[in-house]
Amino acid sequence: MARLHQSEDKRSVSLASRTLVGRGSACTLRIRDGRVSGEHAAISWRGDGSWELRDLVSRNGTYVDGEKLASGGLISLKMGMKIQFGGVGQEAWVVEDLSPPQLEARRVHDGVVRADPILLALPDDDDPQVVILKGSSGWIQEKGDVTETVHDQDLIDVGGETWQLALPVDIGRTVEATVTQAQSKRFSLDFRVSLDEEYVEVRVQTDSGEHALKSRSHHYLLLVLARLRLEEAELSEGERGWVYASELARQLRMDRRTVNVHIHRARKEMAALGLPGLIVERRPSTNQMRIGTAHLKVDAI
C-alpha cells in the first residue's frame, strides 16, 4: 500500500483512501507541532491510479520539495517527493510507495493497523470475530451470523475494542467491477476425497488454468457445502445449497467460532487465486450460507 516515511524519527504511515494530516485527534497522520494546523492537509486516492496532496488552507503552508503549495492548492504525488507540513524547517515525509489503497482497520486505543486487499479479519486471521469484505452493493461486516453494511471511517466494536475502518471508497467502481467479473467467470471446484474423508484435495479450474490446492482442514467445510448444493438438484439455482450456520456446525462437529475460522481461511485461499471473497455466501436475513459456485464435482480417491 502507499506509504510516507519520516527518516529522522523512523516513522512510517500507510495511506488510506483519504488520509488527514494535522494536529487534530481525527488526523491519521498526527503531527504534534504548533506550526501545523489542526487539519493541515489531505492525501487522497484519485481512482485513476494516482494520489494527490491538497493543502487545507493551513496557516503555515505545505511544502513539496522545498516549494510552497498555494493555499488550498493540490499536487499529484510522485515517488521520492519530500513533503513538509508547516514550513521548510519541519520534519520531512518522503513518498516511498504509491500503490492503491487497501482495506484497513486501526485499533483506536493503540494505533495498531491491519490491512488486506479485499478480505480483512479482526482482531486477526486466527480469531475472525469480525470479517470485512466487499458485498454485491458495498462493503459489509460479518459478525458471527449477523451481516451489516459498513462505510469508510466507521467505528466498530470487536471483542470490546474499537477499530476504525478505512475503506477504499474512491475506487469502489474498480473493486466492484473486479468482484463482479470474478463472480461471472465459469470457475469450478473439483473435490477429491479419500474413503475415510481425512484427506480432501481441491482442484480449482479458472480461465487462467487449473490450480491444485493441497489438503487443508477447511477444505472439508467446502466439501460439505458442495455436497449440499449438488444434492438439491430439484430446487431452483437460487435456492440450492443453503444451510443454517447452526446446522453446518452440527454436521462438522465444530463450534460456531471454529466454523467462522474455517470459512475465513477458505476465502483467503480462494481470494489468492483471484476468486471472490464470497466463495462462501451468506444470507443476512436468515443466517444461512452456501458455497458460492454451482460448478462442482466430488470424486473419491
Protein backbone atom coordinates (compact mmCIF):
# COMPACT_ATOMS: atom_id res chain seq x y z
CA MET A 1 0.00 0.00 0.00
CA ALA A 2 1.06 3.63 -0.39
CA ARG A 3 3.31 4.94 2.38
CA LEU A 4 5.11 8.03 3.64
CA HIS A 5 8.35 7.69 5.60
CA GLN A 6 9.93 10.13 8.04
CA SER A 7 13.62 9.24 8.42
CA GLU A 8 14.52 11.33 11.49
CA ASP A 9 12.12 9.55 13.84
CA LYS A 10 11.92 6.45 11.62
CA ARG A 11 8.15 6.85 11.42
CA SER A 12 6.14 5.39 8.59
CA VAL A 13 2.44 5.75 7.82
CA SER A 14 0.28 3.90 5.31
CA LEU A 15 -2.19 5.91 3.25
CA ALA A 16 -5.89 5.15 3.34
CA SER A 17 -8.18 6.36 0.53
CA ARG A 18 -8.16 9.71 2.32
CA THR A 19 -5.51 10.48 4.93
CA LEU A 20 -5.98 13.63 7.00
CA VAL A 21 -2.77 15.32 8.22
CA GLY A 22 -2.56 17.72 11.17
CA ARG A 23 -2.52 18.20 14.95
CA GLY A 24 -6.16 17.23 15.50
CA SER A 25 -7.21 13.96 17.10
CA ALA A 26 -9.13 12.96 13.95
CA CYS A 27 -5.96 13.02 11.83
CA THR A 28 -4.46 9.74 10.67
CA LEU A 29 -1.03 11.35 10.32
CA ARG A 30 -0.91 13.37 13.52
CA ILE A 31 1.93 15.87 13.90
CA ARG A 32 2.12 17.50 17.33
CA ASP A 33 3.79 20.77 16.41
CA GLY A 34 2.36 24.26 16.91
CA ARG A 35 3.19 25.26 13.35
CA VAL A 36 0.94 22.51 11.99
CA SER A 37 -2.78 23.30 11.72
CA GLY A 38 -5.48 21.12 13.30
CA GLU A 39 -6.44 19.85 9.86
CA HIS A 40 -3.46 20.87 7.77
CA ALA A 41 -3.58 18.79 4.56
CA ALA A 42 -5.22 15.76 2.99
CA ILE A 43 -3.79 13.00 0.82
CA SER A 44 -6.37 11.25 -1.39
CA TRP A 45 -6.55 8.41 -3.89
CA ARG A 46 -7.97 9.75 -7.15
CA GLY A 47 -9.11 6.40 -8.51
CA ASP A 48 -7.20 6.77 -11.80
CA GLY A 49 -4.01 5.24 -10.44
CA SER A 50 -2.67 8.37 -8.78
CA TRP A 51 -2.60 10.13 -5.41
CA GLU A 52 -2.95 13.85 -4.71
CA LEU A 53 -1.90 16.10 -1.85
CA ARG A 54 -4.11 19.09 -1.02
CA ASP A 55 -3.30 21.90 1.39
CA LEU A 56 -6.36 22.66 3.56
CA VAL A 57 -5.75 26.42 3.71
CA SER A 58 -3.24 25.82 6.51
CA ARG A 59 -1.78 28.77 8.43
CA ASN A 60 1.89 27.96 7.72
CA GLY A 61 1.61 26.12 4.45
CA THR A 62 2.53 22.78 2.89
CA TYR A 63 5.86 22.38 1.10
CA VAL A 64 6.78 19.86 -1.60
CA ASP A 65 10.47 19.51 -2.45
CA GLY A 66 11.04 22.89 -0.81
CA GLU A 67 8.33 24.73 -2.78
CA LYS A 68 5.22 26.03 -1.02
CA LEU A 69 1.84 24.97 -2.39
CA ALA A 70 -0.74 27.65 -2.93
CA SER A 71 -3.22 27.92 -0.06
CA GLY A 72 -5.78 25.23 -0.79
CA GLY A 73 -3.67 24.05 -3.73
CA LEU A 74 -3.06 20.46 -4.75
CA ILE A 75 -0.39 18.40 -6.45
CA SER A 76 -0.08 14.84 -7.73
CA LEU A 77 2.33 12.78 -5.68
CA LYS A 78 5.40 11.17 -7.19
CA MET A 79 7.87 8.69 -5.76
CA GLY A 80 10.60 10.32 -3.69
CA MET A 81 8.79 13.62 -3.17
CA LYS A 82 9.68 15.33 0.12
CA ILE A 83 6.71 16.86 1.94
CA GLN A 84 6.88 19.25 4.91
CA PHE A 85 3.87 20.48 6.84
CA GLY A 86 4.14 23.94 8.44
CA GLY A 87 7.47 25.13 6.99
CA VAL A 88 10.66 24.09 5.24
CA GLY A 89 12.32 23.54 8.62
CA GLN A 90 9.80 20.91 9.61
CA GLU A 91 10.30 17.15 9.58
CA ALA A 92 10.18 15.82 6.04
CA TRP A 93 7.93 12.99 4.90
CA VAL A 94 9.15 11.13 1.82
CA VAL A 95 6.82 9.32 -0.58
CA GLU A 96 8.10 5.73 -0.65
CA ASP A 97 5.15 3.82 -2.16
CA LEU A 98 2.23 4.83 -4.39
CA SER A 99 0.29 1.59 -4.71
CA PRO A 100 -3.52 1.71 -4.44
CA PRO A 101 -5.17 1.80 -1.01
CA GLN A 102 -6.12 -1.37 0.82
CA LEU A 103 -8.90 -2.34 3.13
CA GLU A 104 -7.61 -1.23 6.53
CA ALA A 105 -8.62 -1.03 10.19
CA ARG A 106 -6.88 0.83 13.03
CA ARG A 107 -7.33 -0.15 16.66
CA VAL A 108 -8.17 3.13 18.34
CA HIS A 109 -6.51 2.71 21.74
CA ASP A 110 -3.01 1.85 20.47
CA GLY A 111 -2.96 2.62 16.72
CA VAL A 112 -2.33 -0.99 15.62
CA VAL A 113 -3.22 -1.31 11.93
CA ARG A 114 -4.36 -4.36 9.98
CA ALA A 115 -4.74 -4.28 6.20
CA ASP A 116 -5.64 -6.57 3.34
CA PRO A 117 -6.51 -6.03 -0.35
CA ILE A 118 -10.05 -7.49 -0.17
CA LEU A 119 -10.74 -9.54 2.97
CA LEU A 120 -9.92 -8.39 6.50
CA ALA A 121 -10.40 -10.35 9.73
CA LEU A 122 -10.45 -8.66 13.13
CA PRO A 123 -8.77 -8.91 15.52
CA ASP A 124 -6.70 -11.33 13.34
CA ASP A 125 -6.90 -14.28 10.95
CA ASP A 126 -6.79 -16.82 13.78
CA ASP A 127 -9.73 -15.20 15.57
CA PRO A 128 -12.03 -13.70 12.91
CA GLN A 129 -14.69 -12.27 15.22
CA VAL A 130 -15.49 -9.71 12.52
CA VAL A 131 -14.75 -10.03 8.80
CA ILE A 132 -14.85 -7.04 6.44
CA LEU A 133 -15.30 -7.78 2.74
CA LYS A 134 -16.90 -6.48 -0.43
CA GLY A 135 -20.56 -7.39 -0.90
CA SER A 136 -22.70 -7.04 -4.00
CA SER A 137 -23.53 -3.40 -3.25
CA GLY A 138 -20.75 -2.19 -0.96
CA TRP A 139 -18.55 -3.09 1.99
CA ILE A 140 -20.06 -5.36 4.64
CA GLN A 141 -19.07 -6.76 8.00
CA GLU A 142 -19.86 -10.27 9.12
CA LYS A 143 -20.01 -10.58 12.89
CA GLY A 144 -20.98 -14.10 13.83
CA ASP A 145 -24.18 -14.70 11.87
CA VAL A 146 -25.01 -11.00 11.50
CA THR A 147 -24.18 -9.17 8.27
CA GLU A 148 -24.27 -5.37 8.15
CA THR A 149 -23.23 -2.63 5.73
CA VAL A 150 -20.18 -0.59 6.79
CA HIS A 151 -18.72 2.66 5.49
CA ASP A 152 -15.38 4.41 5.35
CA GLN A 153 -14.27 5.73 8.78
CA ASP A 154 -16.92 3.73 10.67
CA LEU A 155 -16.08 2.73 14.25
CA ILE A 156 -16.86 -0.91 15.03
CA ASP A 157 -16.61 -2.98 18.19
CA VAL A 158 -14.56 -6.17 18.14
CA GLY A 159 -14.40 -8.06 21.42
CA GLY A 160 -14.75 -4.87 23.45
CA GLU A 161 -12.12 -2.96 21.44
CA THR A 162 -12.89 -0.15 19.00
CA TRP A 163 -11.50 -0.25 15.47
CA GLN A 164 -11.81 2.47 12.83
CA LEU A 165 -12.26 1.34 9.23
CA ALA A 166 -10.53 2.84 6.22
CA LEU A 167 -12.30 1.53 3.14
CA PRO A 168 -11.10 2.24 -0.42
CA VAL A 169 -14.29 4.08 -1.34
CA ASP A 170 -12.73 6.17 -4.10
CA ILE A 171 -12.01 3.04 -6.13
CA GLY A 172 -15.36 1.41 -5.39
CA ARG A 173 -16.29 1.09 -9.06
CA THR A 174 -13.00 -0.63 -9.90
CA VAL A 175 -13.19 -3.04 -6.97
CA GLU A 176 -16.84 -3.83 -7.63
CA ALA A 177 -16.14 -4.45 -11.31
CA THR A 178 -13.31 -6.82 -10.38
CA VAL A 179 -15.51 -8.77 -7.99
CA THR A 180 -18.36 -8.91 -10.48
CA GLN A 181 -16.02 -10.14 -13.18
CA ALA A 182 -14.65 -12.85 -10.87
CA GLN A 183 -18.16 -13.95 -9.92
CA SER A 184 -19.21 -14.15 -13.56
CA LYS A 185 -16.28 -16.36 -14.55
CA ARG A 186 -17.04 -20.00 -15.14
CA PHE A 187 -14.84 -21.46 -12.45
CA SER A 188 -15.28 -24.89 -10.94
CA LEU A 189 -14.24 -26.79 -7.84
CA ASP A 190 -13.28 -30.45 -8.16
CA PHE A 191 -13.03 -32.25 -4.80
CA ARG A 192 -11.02 -35.45 -4.48
CA VAL A 193 -11.76 -37.21 -1.23
CA SER A 194 -10.18 -40.23 0.46
CA LEU A 195 -12.51 -43.06 1.55
CA ASP A 196 -12.09 -42.15 5.23
CA GLU A 197 -12.61 -38.46 4.30
CA GLU A 198 -9.47 -37.49 6.20
CA TYR A 199 -7.91 -36.13 3.00
CA VAL A 200 -9.66 -33.56 0.81
CA GLU A 201 -7.87 -32.13 -2.20
CA VAL A 202 -9.38 -29.28 -4.21
CA ARG A 203 -8.67 -28.50 -7.83
CA VAL A 204 -9.83 -25.09 -8.96
CA GLN A 205 -10.42 -24.52 -12.66
CA THR A 206 -10.45 -20.89 -13.83
CA ASP A 207 -9.86 -19.06 -17.10
CA SER A 208 -6.16 -18.99 -16.23
CA GLY A 209 -5.91 -22.76 -15.83
CA GLU A 210 -6.11 -25.40 -13.13
CA HIS A 211 -4.84 -24.87 -9.60
CA ALA A 212 -4.30 -27.86 -7.32
CA LEU A 213 -4.65 -26.96 -3.65
CA LYS A 214 -3.01 -29.15 -1.04
CA SER A 215 -5.29 -30.71 1.52
CA ARG A 216 -6.28 -28.32 4.30
CA SER A 217 -8.68 -28.76 7.20
CA HIS A 218 -11.00 -26.04 5.88
CA HIS A 219 -11.47 -27.96 2.61
CA TYR A 220 -13.80 -30.34 4.41
CA LEU A 221 -16.17 -27.45 5.15
CA LEU A 222 -16.20 -26.59 1.44
CA LEU A 223 -16.82 -30.25 0.62
CA VAL A 224 -19.86 -30.39 2.91
CA LEU A 225 -21.26 -27.22 1.34
CA ALA A 226 -20.57 -28.56 -2.16
CA ARG A 227 -22.43 -31.79 -1.42
CA LEU A 228 -25.42 -29.86 -0.10
CA ARG A 229 -25.62 -27.83 -3.31
CA LEU A 230 -25.23 -30.91 -5.51
CA GLU A 231 -27.86 -32.87 -3.59
CA GLU A 232 -30.57 -30.26 -4.17
CA ALA A 233 -30.73 -30.52 -7.96
CA GLU A 234 -34.53 -30.46 -7.84
CA LEU A 235 -34.53 -26.89 -6.49
CA SER A 236 -34.08 -23.71 -8.49
CA GLU A 237 -30.49 -22.48 -8.76
CA GLY A 238 -31.12 -19.61 -6.36
CA GLU A 239 -32.38 -21.99 -3.66
CA ARG A 240 -29.80 -24.78 -3.86
CA GLY A 241 -27.30 -25.48 -1.13
CA TRP A 242 -28.35 -23.08 1.61
CA VAL A 243 -27.77 -24.31 5.17
CA TYR A 244 -28.19 -22.67 8.55
CA ALA A 245 -24.94 -21.90 10.36
CA SER A 246 -26.04 -23.94 13.38
CA GLU A 247 -26.80 -26.97 11.19
CA LEU A 248 -23.46 -26.69 9.39
CA ALA A 249 -21.65 -26.55 12.73
CA ARG A 250 -23.53 -29.67 13.83
CA GLN A 251 -22.62 -31.56 10.66
CA LEU A 252 -18.96 -30.58 11.00
CA ARG A 253 -18.96 -31.27 14.76
CA MET A 254 -17.48 -27.84 15.37
CA ASP A 255 -18.44 -24.85 17.45
CA ARG A 256 -19.59 -21.77 15.58
CA ARG A 257 -16.32 -19.90 16.16
CA THR A 258 -14.31 -22.70 14.51
CA VAL A 259 -16.73 -22.72 11.57
CA ASN A 260 -16.09 -19.00 11.05
CA VAL A 261 -12.31 -19.57 11.23
CA HIS A 262 -12.52 -22.24 8.51
CA ILE A 263 -14.73 -20.04 6.32
CA HIS A 264 -12.22 -17.21 6.60
CA ARG A 265 -9.29 -19.47 5.72
CA ALA A 266 -11.16 -20.84 2.70
CA ARG A 267 -11.97 -17.34 1.48
CA LYS A 268 -8.36 -16.19 1.89
CA GLU A 269 -7.09 -19.19 -0.07
CA MET A 270 -9.56 -18.68 -2.93
CA ALA A 271 -9.02 -14.92 -2.99
CA ALA A 272 -5.32 -15.56 -3.61
CA LEU A 273 -6.36 -17.23 -6.88
CA GLY A 274 -8.36 -14.19 -7.93
CA LEU A 275 -11.70 -15.71 -6.97
CA PRO A 276 -14.19 -13.65 -4.97
CA GLY A 277 -14.03 -13.43 -1.21
CA LEU A 278 -17.65 -14.55 -1.29
CA ILE A 279 -16.70 -18.14 -2.19
CA VAL A 280 -18.89 -18.83 0.84
CA GLU A 281 -22.06 -16.77 0.51
CA ARG A 282 -24.33 -15.72 3.37
CA ARG A 283 -27.96 -14.69 3.54
CA PRO A 284 -28.02 -11.83 6.05
CA SER A 285 -31.70 -12.21 6.93
CA THR A 286 -31.70 -15.96 7.66
CA ASN A 287 -28.17 -16.83 8.90
CA GLN A 288 -27.87 -19.30 6.02
CA MET A 289 -24.81 -19.92 3.88
CA ARG A 290 -23.76 -21.93 0.85
CA ILE A 291 -20.78 -22.49 -1.42
CA GLY A 292 -20.52 -19.67 -3.94
CA THR A 293 -20.31 -21.61 -7.22
CA ALA A 294 -22.62 -24.10 -8.91
CA HIS A 295 -19.82 -25.76 -10.90
CA LEU A 296 -18.91 -28.60 -8.58
CA LYS A 297 -17.63 -32.16 -8.74
CA VAL A 298 -16.84 -34.66 -5.99
CA ASP A 299 -14.75 -37.80 -6.64
CA ALA A 300 -13.31 -40.49 -4.38
CA ILE A 301 -9.59 -41.25 -4.49
